[in-house]
Amino acid sequence: MSATTSTKGVSFRVRKREAARSEIQPPIRANDARVVRLVGASRVYSLVPPLLLGVILLIAWYVSTTSGHVNNLLLPTPGDVLASLIDGIKTGIYISNTLYTVLESVLGFLLALIIALPVGYAIAKSRLLAATIQPYLVAGQAIPAIVIAPLLYLWLGYGLPTNIVICTLVVLFPMVINTVLGIEIIDSTLTDAARVEGAAGWSLLAYIEFPLALPAILAAIRTALTLSIVGALVAEFVGGGDQGLGALVALAKNQYNTPFMFSTLIVLAALATCYYGVSWLLIKMAERLY
């Protein structure tokens, strides 16, 4: 039997022991059609309250703007916002700028992920590193990115690379902290049992510690992926460039074009929803794998 197979067997036994320790309800049987229907109905009913609230807000928005109680310069009509959105899609201005913002946010997120996972693991495993690095992490978390961004533009210049660095800084600290938490909450008796079974070093990390810390890491990824849009917008606002959805919002503000601003915000909301959906799929894939 190979070492990898043996380690995987250790991982299975340890995680099985962890599952037995927690009070997890037995899974629903596939042939229990009645329970499946009830679960499906509950999911449908859970969509009713937010949809109802959205309809009420839309009606209130329409009535307040068409009746003349609110100045259209402050709050445009839904029709004007829809017309601006359709025009922006037809001209391609939203597609090109959305892709630019996506490029910044995804690259910034991936760079933060590459840095955060090993740094978080090292901090969780070494008291010396924790005492050395954590004060700077706390300080970095306390200082808003919008304050650091001007310095980075002075040091690194304007452009896409600096925007990516700013986006990385925005999402880096929450990912590191969650990774540290995920490693530290692992029950030491489980890792001790794995060591007794022969797991050590890389095999202990890959087959024992990483799967057990995965829920916290996935929570960090889910938050950071959506937060990366904020990092990209901060970079676009401070950088003053002419690309990205943040640049469109700044342009609409300078032109006092509130329909254009509202339609851009709708695009941003749709982009954040897509990111949330992607993170949800990642969690489901991880649940199937582990």
C-alpha atoms as a PDB file:
ATOM      1  CA  MET A   1       0.000   0.000   0.000  1.00  0.00           C
ATOM      2  CA  SER A   2       1.435   3.415  -0.975  1.00  0.00           C
ATOM      3  CA  ALA A   3       1.991   6.265   1.498  1.00  0.00           C
ATOM      4  CA  THR A   4      -0.646   8.409  -0.254  1.00  0.00           C
ATOM      5  CA  THR A   5      -3.277   5.691   0.013  1.00  0.00           C
ATOM      6  CA  SER A   6      -2.433   5.168   3.667  1.00  0.00           C
ATOM      7  CA  THR A   7      -2.706   8.887   4.375  1.00  0.00           C
ATOM      8  CA  LYS A   8      -6.033   9.103   2.594  1.00  0.00           C
ATOM      9  CA  GLY A   9      -7.252   6.258   4.749  1.00  0.00           C
ATOM     10  CA  VAL A  10      -6.109   8.145   7.823  1.00  0.00           C
ATOM     11  CA  SER A  11      -7.906  11.254   6.569  1.00  0.00           C
ATOM     12  CA  PHE A  12     -11.112   9.298   6.084  1.00  0.00           C
ATOM     13  CA  ARG A  13     -10.996   7.765   9.553  1.00  0.00           C
ATOM     14  CA  VAL A  14     -10.203  11.073  11.249  1.00  0.00           C
ATOM     15  CA  ARG A  15     -12.949  12.958   9.421  1.00  0.00           C
ATOM     16  CA  LYS A  16     -15.347  10.116  10.103  1.00  0.00           C
ATOM     17  CA  ARG A  17     -14.518  10.442  13.773  1.00  0.00           C
ATOM     18  CA  GLU A  18     -15.117  14.201  13.537  1.00  0.00           C
ATOM     19  CA  ALA A  19     -18.509  13.628  11.942  1.00  0.00           C
ATOM     20  CA  ALA A  20     -19.404  11.176  14.689  1.00  0.00           C
ATOM     21  CA  ARG A  21     -18.447  13.733  17.333  1.00  0.00           C
ATOM     22  CA  SER A  22     -20.749  16.386  15.898  1.00  0.00           C
ATOM     23  CA  GLU A  23     -24.484  16.025  16.128  1.00  0.00           C
ATOM     24  CA  ILE A  24     -25.298  15.903  12.420  1.00  0.00           C
ATOM     25  CA  GLN A  25     -28.758  14.835  11.365  1.00  0.00           C
ATOM     26  CA  PRO A  26     -28.938  11.857   8.987  1.00  0.00           C
ATOM     27  CA  PRO A  27     -29.361  12.800   5.316  1.00  0.00           C
ATOM     28  CA  ILE A  28     -32.778  12.807   3.698  1.00  0.00           C
ATOM     29  CA  ARG A  29     -33.518   9.613   1.822  1.00  0.00           C
ATOM     30  CA  ALA A  30     -33.710  10.039  -1.935  1.00  0.00           C
ATOM     31  CA  ASN A  31     -37.036   8.204  -2.165  1.00  0.00           C
ATOM     32  CA  ASP A  32     -38.747  10.375   0.423  1.00  0.00           C
ATOM     33  CA  ALA A  33     -40.663  12.426  -2.152  1.00  0.00           C
ATOM     34  CA  ARG A  34     -42.849  14.149   0.419  1.00  0.00           C
ATOM     35  CA  VAL A  35     -39.877  15.594   2.313  1.00  0.00           C
ATOM     36  CA  VAL A  36     -38.275  16.685  -0.948  1.00  0.00           C
ATOM     37  CA  ARG A  37     -41.472  18.505  -1.946  1.00  0.00           C
ATOM     38  CA  LEU A  38     -41.656  20.230   1.436  1.00  0.00           C
ATOM     39  CA  VAL A  39     -38.043  21.374   1.162  1.00  0.00           C
ATOM     40  CA  GLY A  40     -38.670  22.689  -2.361  1.00  0.00           C
ATOM     41  CA  ALA A  41     -41.818  24.507  -1.241  1.00  0.00           C
ATOM     42  CA  SER A  42     -39.992  26.121   1.684  1.00  0.00           C
ATOM     43  CA  ARG A  43     -37.310  27.405  -0.690  1.00  0.00           C
ATOM     44  CA  VAL A  44     -39.947  28.889  -2.982  1.00  0.00           C
ATOM     45  CA  TYR A  45     -41.751  30.524  -0.070  1.00  0.00           C
ATOM     46  CA  SER A  46     -38.462  32.004   1.159  1.00  0.00           C
ATOM     47  CA  LEU A  47     -38.258  33.986  -2.105  1.00  0.00           C
ATOM     48  CA  VAL A  48     -41.662  35.607  -1.621  1.00  0.00           C
ATOM     49  CA  PRO A  49     -40.767  38.161   1.125  1.00  0.00           C
ATOM     50  CA  PRO A  50     -37.764  39.724  -0.696  1.00  0.00           C
ATOM     51  CA  LEU A  51     -39.668  39.801  -3.997  1.00  0.00           C
ATOM     52  CA  LEU A  52     -42.653  41.410  -2.299  1.00  0.00           C
ATOM     53  CA  LEU A  53     -40.429  44.019  -0.657  1.00  0.00           C
ATOM     54  CA  GLY A  54     -38.790  44.734  -4.023  1.00  0.00           C
ATOM     55  CA  VAL A  55     -42.154  45.286  -5.693  1.00  0.00           C
ATOM     56  CA  ILE A  56     -43.262  47.638  -2.894  1.00  0.00           C
ATOM     57  CA  LEU A  57     -40.041  49.663  -3.161  1.00  0.00           C
ATOM     58  CA  LEU A  58     -40.339  49.845  -6.954  1.00  0.00           C
ATOM     59  CA  ILE A  59     -43.937  51.083  -6.719  1.00  0.00           C
ATOM     60  CA  ALA A  60     -42.969  53.674  -4.100  1.00  0.00           C
ATOM     61  CA  TRP A  61     -40.076  54.804  -6.291  1.00  0.00           C
ATOM     62  CA  TYR A  62     -42.331  55.144  -9.333  1.00  0.00           C
ATOM     63  CA  VAL A  63     -45.077  57.022  -7.476  1.00  0.00           C
ATOM     64  CA  SER A  64     -42.697  59.445  -5.731  1.00  0.00           C
ATOM     65  CA  THR A  65     -40.915  60.395  -8.963  1.00  0.00           C
ATOM     66  CA  THR A  66     -43.904  60.591 -11.317  1.00  0.00           C
ATOM     67  CA  SER A  67     -46.072  62.581  -8.874  1.00  0.00           C
ATOM     68  CA  GLY A  68     -43.475  65.361  -8.643  1.00  0.00           C
ATOM     69  CA  HIS A  69     -42.831  64.992  -4.909  1.00  0.00           C
ATOM     70  CA  VAL A  70     -39.146  64.231  -5.537  1.00  0.00           C
ATOM     71  CA  ASN A  71     -36.843  66.163  -7.853  1.00  0.00           C
ATOM     72  CA  ASN A  72     -35.743  63.991 -10.789  1.00  0.00           C
ATOM     73  CA  LEU A  73     -32.225  65.369 -10.391  1.00  0.00           C
ATOM     74  CA  LEU A  74     -32.042  63.687  -6.989  1.00  0.00           C
ATOM     75  CA  LEU A  75     -34.025  60.543  -7.810  1.00  0.00           C
ATOM     76  CA  PRO A  76     -34.649  59.669 -11.488  1.00  0.00           C
ATOM     77  CA  THR A  77     -37.716  57.792 -12.613  1.00  0.00           C
ATOM     78  CA  PRO A  78     -37.489  54.025 -13.124  1.00  0.00           C
ATOM     79  CA  GLY A  79     -38.131  54.575 -16.827  1.00  0.00           C
ATOM     80  CA  ASP A  80     -35.154  56.940 -17.168  1.00  0.00           C
ATOM     81  CA  VAL A  81     -32.894  54.483 -15.335  1.00  0.00           C
ATOM     82  CA  LEU A  82     -34.061  51.611 -17.540  1.00  0.00           C
ATOM     83  CA  ALA A  83     -33.498  53.677 -20.693  1.00  0.00           C
ATOM     84  CA  SER A  84     -29.983  54.596 -19.531  1.00  0.00           C
ATOM     85  CA  LEU A  85     -29.244  50.938 -18.731  1.00  0.00           C
ATOM     86  CA  ILE A  86     -30.429  49.729 -22.148  1.00  0.00           C
ATOM     87  CA  ASP A  87     -28.477  52.481 -23.914  1.00  0.00           C
ATOM     88  CA  GLY A  88     -25.292  51.604 -21.994  1.00  0.00           C
ATOM     89  CA  ILE A  89     -25.654  47.928 -22.902  1.00  0.00           C
ATOM     90  CA  LYS A  90     -26.306  48.694 -26.574  1.00  0.00           C
ATOM     91  CA  THR A  91     -23.288  50.991 -26.876  1.00  0.00           C
ATOM     92  CA  GLY A  92     -21.078  48.437 -25.127  1.00  0.00           C
ATOM     93  CA  ILE A  93     -19.921  50.867 -22.442  1.00  0.00           C
ATOM     94  CA  TYR A  94     -21.114  48.588 -19.656  1.00  0.00           C
ATOM     95  CA  ILE A  95     -19.639  45.432 -21.145  1.00  0.00           C
ATOM     96  CA  SER A  96     -16.128  46.842 -21.616  1.00  0.00           C
ATOM     97  CA  ASN A  97     -16.001  48.570 -18.232  1.00  0.00           C
ATOM     98  CA  THR A  98     -17.496  45.591 -16.410  1.00  0.00           C
ATOM     99  CA  LEU A  99     -14.832  43.322 -17.888  1.00  0.00           C
ATOM    100  CA  TYR A 100     -12.139  45.745 -16.723  1.00  0.00           C
ATOM    101  CA  THR A 101     -13.518  45.769 -13.175  1.00  0.00           C
ATOM    102  CA  VAL A 102     -13.817  41.972 -13.231  1.00  0.00           C
ATOM    103  CA  LEU A 103     -10.187  41.693 -14.360  1.00  0.00           C
ATOM    104  CA  GLU A 104      -9.008  43.895 -11.487  1.00  0.00           C
ATOM    105  CA  SER A 105     -11.103  42.163  -8.858  1.00  0.00           C
ATOM    106  CA  VAL A 106     -10.351  38.584  -9.931  1.00  0.00           C
ATOM    107  CA  LEU A 107      -6.591  39.140 -10.218  1.00  0.00           C
ATOM    108  CA  GLY A 108      -6.558  40.987  -6.888  1.00  0.00           C
ATOM    109  CA  PHE A 109      -8.543  38.192  -5.267  1.00  0.00           C
ATOM    110  CA  LEU A 110      -6.286  35.449  -6.641  1.00  0.00           C
ATOM    111  CA  LEU A 111      -3.145  37.285  -5.531  1.00  0.00           C
ATOM    112  CA  ALA A 112      -4.618  37.713  -2.052  1.00  0.00           C
ATOM    113  CA  LEU A 113      -5.558  34.021  -1.973  1.00  0.00           C
ATOM    114  CA  ILE A 114      -2.013  32.959  -2.888  1.00  0.00           C
ATOM    115  CA  ILE A 115      -0.605  35.121  -0.089  1.00  0.00           C
ATOM    116  CA  ALA A 116      -3.283  34.624   2.576  1.00  0.00           C
ATOM    117  CA  LEU A 117      -3.380  30.824   2.762  1.00  0.00           C
ATOM    118  CA  PRO A 118       0.316  30.166   3.522  1.00  0.00           C
ATOM    119  CA  VAL A 119       0.635  33.268   5.715  1.00  0.00           C
ATOM    120  CA  GLY A 120      -2.470  32.335   7.707  1.00  0.00           C
ATOM    121  CA  TYR A 121      -1.261  28.754   8.138  1.00  0.00           C
ATOM    122  CA  ALA A 122       2.183  29.925   9.250  1.00  0.00           C
ATOM    123  CA  ILE A 123       0.710  32.338  11.793  1.00  0.00           C
ATOM    124  CA  ALA A 124      -1.565  29.626  13.185  1.00  0.00           C
ATOM    125  CA  LYS A 125       1.348  27.194  13.558  1.00  0.00           C
ATOM    126  CA  SER A 126       4.071  29.528  14.845  1.00  0.00           C
ATOM    127  CA  ARG A 127       3.712  31.646  17.966  1.00  0.00           C
ATOM    128  CA  LEU A 128       6.786  33.639  16.953  1.00  0.00           C
ATOM    129  CA  LEU A 129       5.325  34.513  13.550  1.00  0.00           C
ATOM    130  CA  ALA A 130       1.967  35.302  15.136  1.00  0.00           C
ATOM    131  CA  ALA A 131       3.580  37.693  17.608  1.00  0.00           C
ATOM    132  CA  THR A 132       5.628  39.259  14.806  1.00  0.00           C
ATOM    133  CA  ILE A 133       3.060  39.623  12.026  1.00  0.00           C
ATOM    134  CA  GLN A 134      -0.333  39.969  13.723  1.00  0.00           C
ATOM    135  CA  PRO A 135       0.210  43.560  14.993  1.00  0.00           C
ATOM    136  CA  TYR A 136       0.866  44.661  11.422  1.00  0.00           C
ATOM    137  CA  LEU A 137      -2.177  42.770  10.194  1.00  0.00           C
ATOM    138  CA  VAL A 138      -4.340  44.545  12.755  1.00  0.00           C
ATOM    139  CA  ALA A 139      -2.856  47.904  11.800  1.00  0.00           C
ATOM    140  CA  GLY A 140      -3.348  47.179   8.109  1.00  0.00           C
ATOM    141  CA  GLN A 141      -6.959  46.182   8.736  1.00  0.00           C
ATOM    142  CA  ALA A 142      -7.589  49.400  10.678  1.00  0.00           C
ATOM    143  CA  ILE A 143      -6.255  51.715   7.962  1.00  0.00           C
ATOM    144  CA  PRO A 144      -8.807  52.128   5.123  1.00  0.00           C
ATOM    145  CA  ALA A 145      -7.600  51.200   1.657  1.00  0.00           C
ATOM    146  CA  ILE A 146      -8.720  54.584   0.346  1.00  0.00           C
ATOM    147  CA  VAL A 147      -6.025  56.152   2.569  1.00  0.00           C
ATOM    148  CA  ILE A 148      -3.278  53.775   1.424  1.00  0.00           C
ATOM    149  CA  ALA A 149      -4.214  53.993  -2.266  1.00  0.00           C
ATOM    150  CA  PRO A 150      -2.757  57.500  -2.935  1.00  0.00           C
ATOM    151  CA  LEU A 151       0.609  56.400  -1.528  1.00  0.00           C
ATOM    152  CA  LEU A 152       0.626  53.324  -3.744  1.00  0.00           C
ATOM    153  CA  TYR A 153      -0.066  55.445  -6.809  1.00  0.00           C
ATOM    154  CA  LEU A 154       2.850  57.702  -5.851  1.00  0.00           C
ATOM    155  CA  TRP A 155       5.159  54.706  -5.395  1.00  0.00           C
ATOM    156  CA  LEU A 156       3.968  52.392  -8.173  1.00  0.00           C
ATOM    157  CA  GLY A 157       2.392  54.769 -10.655  1.00  0.00           C
ATOM    158  CA  TYR A 158      -1.073  54.695 -12.163  1.00  0.00           C
ATOM    159  CA  GLY A 159      -2.454  51.737 -14.065  1.00  0.00           C
ATOM    160  CA  LEU A 160      -3.823  48.221 -13.813  1.00  0.00           C
ATOM    161  CA  PRO A 161      -0.985  46.710 -11.684  1.00  0.00           C
ATOM    162  CA  THR A 162      -1.478  49.274  -8.918  1.00  0.00           C
ATOM    163  CA  ASN A 163      -5.254  48.769  -9.042  1.00  0.00           C
ATOM    164  CA  ILE A 164      -4.700  45.026  -8.555  1.00  0.00           C
ATOM    165  CA  VAL A 165      -2.427  45.657  -5.559  1.00  0.00           C
ATOM    166  CA  ILE A 166      -5.055  47.903  -3.943  1.00  0.00           C
ATOM    167  CA  CYS A 167      -7.724  45.266  -4.541  1.00  0.00           C
ATOM    168  CA  THR A 168      -5.419  42.645  -2.998  1.00  0.00           C
ATOM    169  CA  LEU A 169      -4.924  44.735   0.138  1.00  0.00           C
ATOM    170  CA  VAL A 170      -8.670  45.164   0.583  1.00  0.00           C
ATOM    171  CA  VAL A 171      -9.359  41.402   0.627  1.00  0.00           C
ATOM    172  CA  LEU A 172      -6.061  40.133   2.059  1.00  0.00           C
ATOM    173  CA  PHE A 173      -6.534  40.776   5.768  1.00  0.00           C
ATOM    174  CA  PRO A 174      -9.974  39.122   6.162  1.00  0.00           C
ATOM    175  CA  MET A 175      -8.694  36.045   4.328  1.00  0.00           C
ATOM    176  CA  VAL A 176      -5.599  35.757   6.529  1.00  0.00           C
ATOM    177  CA  ILE A 177      -7.624  36.139   9.724  1.00  0.00           C
ATOM    178  CA  ASN A 178     -10.194  33.533   8.659  1.00  0.00           C
ATOM    179  CA  THR A 179      -7.464  31.114   7.605  1.00  0.00           C
ATOM    180  CA  VAL A 180      -5.789  31.471  11.016  1.00  0.00           C
ATOM    181  CA  LEU A 181      -9.135  30.882  12.696  1.00  0.00           C
ATOM    182  CA  GLY A 182      -9.839  27.815  10.563  1.00  0.00           C
ATOM    183  CA  ILE A 183      -6.518  26.200  11.509  1.00  0.00           C
ATOM    184  CA  GLU A 184      -6.703  27.127  15.191  1.00  0.00           C
ATOM    185  CA  ILE A 185     -10.193  25.683  15.764  1.00  0.00           C
ATOM    186  CA  ILE A 186      -9.158  22.202  14.599  1.00  0.00           C
ATOM    187  CA  ASP A 187      -9.493  19.779  17.480  1.00  0.00           C
ATOM    188  CA  SER A 188      -5.972  18.807  18.518  1.00  0.00           C
ATOM    189  CA  THR A 189      -7.108  15.278  19.386  1.00  0.00           C
ATOM    190  CA  LEU A 190      -7.920  14.715  15.701  1.00  0.00           C
ATOM    191  CA  THR A 191      -4.481  15.797  14.495  1.00  0.00           C
ATOM    192  CA  ASP A 192      -2.860  13.779  17.274  1.00  0.00           C
ATOM    193  CA  ALA A 193      -4.812  10.719  16.165  1.00  0.00           C
ATOM    194  CA  ALA A 194      -3.712  11.324  12.571  1.00  0.00           C
ATOM    195  CA  ARG A 195      -0.067  11.533  13.649  1.00  0.00           C
ATOM    196  CA  VAL A 196      -0.429   8.253  15.511  1.00  0.00           C
ATOM    197  CA  GLU A 197      -1.761   6.731  12.280  1.00  0.00           C
ATOM    198  CA  GLY A 198       1.323   7.967  10.420  1.00  0.00           C
ATOM    199  CA  ALA A 199       0.311  11.349   8.976  1.00  0.00           C
ATOM    200  CA  ALA A 200       2.944  14.085   9.124  1.00  0.00           C
ATOM    201  CA  GLY A 201       4.086  17.193   7.279  1.00  0.00           C
ATOM    202  CA  TRP A 202       2.478  17.712   3.895  1.00  0.00           C
ATOM    203  CA  SER A 203       0.211  14.680   4.200  1.00  0.00           C
ATOM    204  CA  LEU A 204      -1.140  15.979   7.525  1.00  0.00           C
ATOM    205  CA  LEU A 205      -1.860  19.366   5.948  1.00  0.00           C
ATOM    206  CA  ALA A 206      -3.374  18.074   2.710  1.00  0.00           C
ATOM    207  CA  TYR A 207      -5.538  15.257   4.052  1.00  0.00           C
ATOM    208  CA  ILE A 208      -6.335  16.280   7.640  1.00  0.00           C
ATOM    209  CA  GLU A 209      -5.868  19.965   8.456  1.00  0.00           C
ATOM    210  CA  PHE A 210      -6.989  21.451   5.166  1.00  0.00           C
ATOM    211  CA  PRO A 211     -10.301  19.523   4.950  1.00  0.00           C
ATOM    212  CA  LEU A 212     -11.111  20.314   8.592  1.00  0.00           C
ATOM    213  CA  ALA A 213     -10.270  24.015   8.138  1.00  0.00           C
ATOM    214  CA  LEU A 214     -12.065  24.180   4.783  1.00  0.00           C
ATOM    215  CA  PRO A 215     -15.383  25.619   6.099  1.00  0.00           C
ATOM    216  CA  ALA A 216     -13.607  28.669   7.538  1.00  0.00           C
ATOM    217  CA  ILE A 217     -11.447  29.042   4.432  1.00  0.00           C
ATOM    218  CA  LEU A 218     -14.493  28.853   2.161  1.00  0.00           C
ATOM    219  CA  ALA A 219     -16.247  31.475   4.274  1.00  0.00           C
ATOM    220  CA  ALA A 220     -13.203  33.710   3.818  1.00  0.00           C
ATOM    221  CA  ILE A 221     -13.187  33.088   0.064  1.00  0.00           C
ATOM    222  CA  ARG A 222     -16.915  33.794  -0.200  1.00  0.00           C
ATOM    223  CA  THR A 223     -16.529  37.119   1.606  1.00  0.00           C
ATOM    224  CA  ALA A 224     -13.326  38.107  -0.164  1.00  0.00           C
ATOM    225  CA  LEU A 225     -14.638  37.367  -3.651  1.00  0.00           C
ATOM    226  CA  THR A 226     -17.520  39.807  -3.199  1.00  0.00           C
ATOM    227  CA  LEU A 227     -15.302  42.273  -1.355  1.00  0.00           C
ATOM    228  CA  SER A 228     -12.872  42.291  -4.273  1.00  0.00           C
ATOM    229  CA  ILE A 229     -15.390  44.401  -6.207  1.00  0.00           C
ATOM    230  CA  VAL A 230     -15.095  47.032  -3.471  1.00  0.00           C
ATOM    231  CA  GLY A 231     -11.324  46.937  -3.815  1.00  0.00           C
ATOM    232  CA  ALA A 232     -11.555  47.444  -7.560  1.00  0.00           C
ATOM    233  CA  LEU A 233     -13.956  50.383  -7.121  1.00  0.00           C
ATOM    234  CA  VAL A 234     -11.687  52.021  -4.543  1.00  0.00           C
ATOM    235  CA  ALA A 235      -8.777  51.751  -6.968  1.00  0.00           C
ATOM    236  CA  GLU A 236     -10.836  53.207  -9.814  1.00  0.00           C
ATOM    237  CA  PHE A 237     -12.139  56.087  -7.697  1.00  0.00           C
ATOM    238  CA  VAL A 238      -8.747  57.090  -6.293  1.00  0.00           C
ATOM    239  CA  GLY A 239      -6.805  56.371  -9.471  1.00  0.00           C
ATOM    240  CA  GLY A 240      -9.069  58.633 -11.501  1.00  0.00           C
ATOM    241  CA  GLY A 241      -8.815  56.468 -14.599  1.00  0.00           C
ATOM    242  CA  ASP A 242     -11.316  56.240 -17.414  1.00  0.00           C
ATOM    243  CA  GLN A 243     -11.942  52.476 -17.254  1.00  0.00           C
ATOM    244  CA  GLY A 244     -14.059  50.380 -14.924  1.00  0.00           C
ATOM    245  CA  LEU A 245     -17.477  50.705 -13.334  1.00  0.00           C
ATOM    246  CA  GLY A 246     -16.044  52.986 -10.640  1.00  0.00           C
ATOM    247  CA  ALA A 247     -14.921  55.384 -13.343  1.00  0.00           C
ATOM    248  CA  LEU A 248     -18.458  55.361 -14.772  1.00  0.00           C
ATOM    249  CA  VAL A 249     -19.924  56.232 -11.368  1.00  0.00           C
ATOM    250  CA  ALA A 250     -17.440  59.122 -11.029  1.00  0.00           C
ATOM    251  CA  LEU A 251     -18.279  60.289 -14.554  1.00  0.00           C
ATOM    252  CA  ALA A 252     -22.018  60.221 -13.825  1.00  0.00           C
ATOM    253  CA  LYS A 253     -21.443  62.202 -10.609  1.00  0.00           C
ATOM    254  CA  ASN A 254     -19.400  64.871 -12.374  1.00  0.00           C
ATOM    255  CA  GLN A 255     -22.065  65.195 -15.073  1.00  0.00           C
ATOM    256  CA  TYR A 256     -24.973  65.160 -12.574  1.00  0.00           C
ATOM    257  CA  ASN A 257     -26.394  62.302 -14.642  1.00  0.00           C
ATOM    258  CA  THR A 258     -28.368  60.431 -11.981  1.00  0.00           C
ATOM    259  CA  PRO A 259     -30.075  57.965 -14.383  1.00  0.00           C
ATOM    260  CA  PHE A 260     -26.632  56.901 -15.609  1.00  0.00           C
ATOM    261  CA  MET A 261     -25.405  56.600 -12.018  1.00  0.00           C
ATOM    262  CA  PHE A 262     -28.381  54.469 -10.984  1.00  0.00           C
ATOM    263  CA  SER A 263     -28.053  52.193 -14.006  1.00  0.00           C
ATOM    264  CA  THR A 264     -24.346  51.716 -13.223  1.00  0.00           C
ATOM    265  CA  LEU A 265     -25.258  50.788  -9.652  1.00  0.00           C
ATOM    266  CA  ILE A 266     -27.660  48.179 -11.053  1.00  0.00           C
ATOM    267  CA  VAL A 267     -24.814  46.696 -13.096  1.00  0.00           C
ATOM    268  CA  LEU A 268     -22.636  46.617  -9.968  1.00  0.00           C
ATOM    269  CA  ALA A 269     -25.400  44.871  -8.025  1.00  0.00           C
ATOM    270  CA  ALA A 270     -25.769  42.291 -10.803  1.00  0.00           C
ATOM    271  CA  LEU A 271     -21.996  41.723 -10.804  1.00  0.00           C
ATOM    272  CA  ALA A 272     -21.947  41.232  -7.023  1.00  0.00           C
ATOM    273  CA  THR A 273     -24.814  38.735  -7.369  1.00  0.00           C
ATOM    274  CA  CYS A 274     -22.835  36.787  -9.969  1.00  0.00           C
ATOM    275  CA  TYR A 275     -19.816  36.691  -7.661  1.00  0.00           C
ATOM    276  CA  TYR A 276     -21.995  35.459  -4.814  1.00  0.00           C
ATOM    277  CA  GLY A 277     -23.368  32.713  -7.068  1.00  0.00           C
ATOM    278  CA  VAL A 278     -19.857  31.648  -8.077  1.00  0.00           C
ATOM    279  CA  SER A 279     -18.789  31.451  -4.428  1.00  0.00           C
ATOM    280  CA  TRP A 280     -21.879  29.356  -3.665  1.00  0.00           C
ATOM    281  CA  LEU A 281     -20.945  26.938  -6.457  1.00  0.00           C
ATOM    282  CA  LEU A 282     -17.411  26.696  -5.084  1.00  0.00           C
ATOM    283  CA  ILE A 283     -18.778  25.718  -1.681  1.00  0.00           C
ATOM    284  CA  LYS A 284     -21.020  23.052  -3.210  1.00  0.00           C
ATOM    285  CA  MET A 285     -18.099  21.643  -5.196  1.00  0.00           C
ATOM    286  CA  ALA A 286     -15.944  21.540  -2.069  1.00  0.00           C
ATOM    287  CA  GLU A 287     -18.711  19.719  -0.189  1.00  0.00           C
ATOM    288  CA  ARG A 288     -18.802  17.066  -2.909  1.00  0.00           C
ATOM    289  CA  LEU A 289     -15.035  16.649  -2.920  1.00  0.00           C
ATOM    290  CA  TYR A 290     -14.603  16.540   0.856  1.00  0.00           C
END
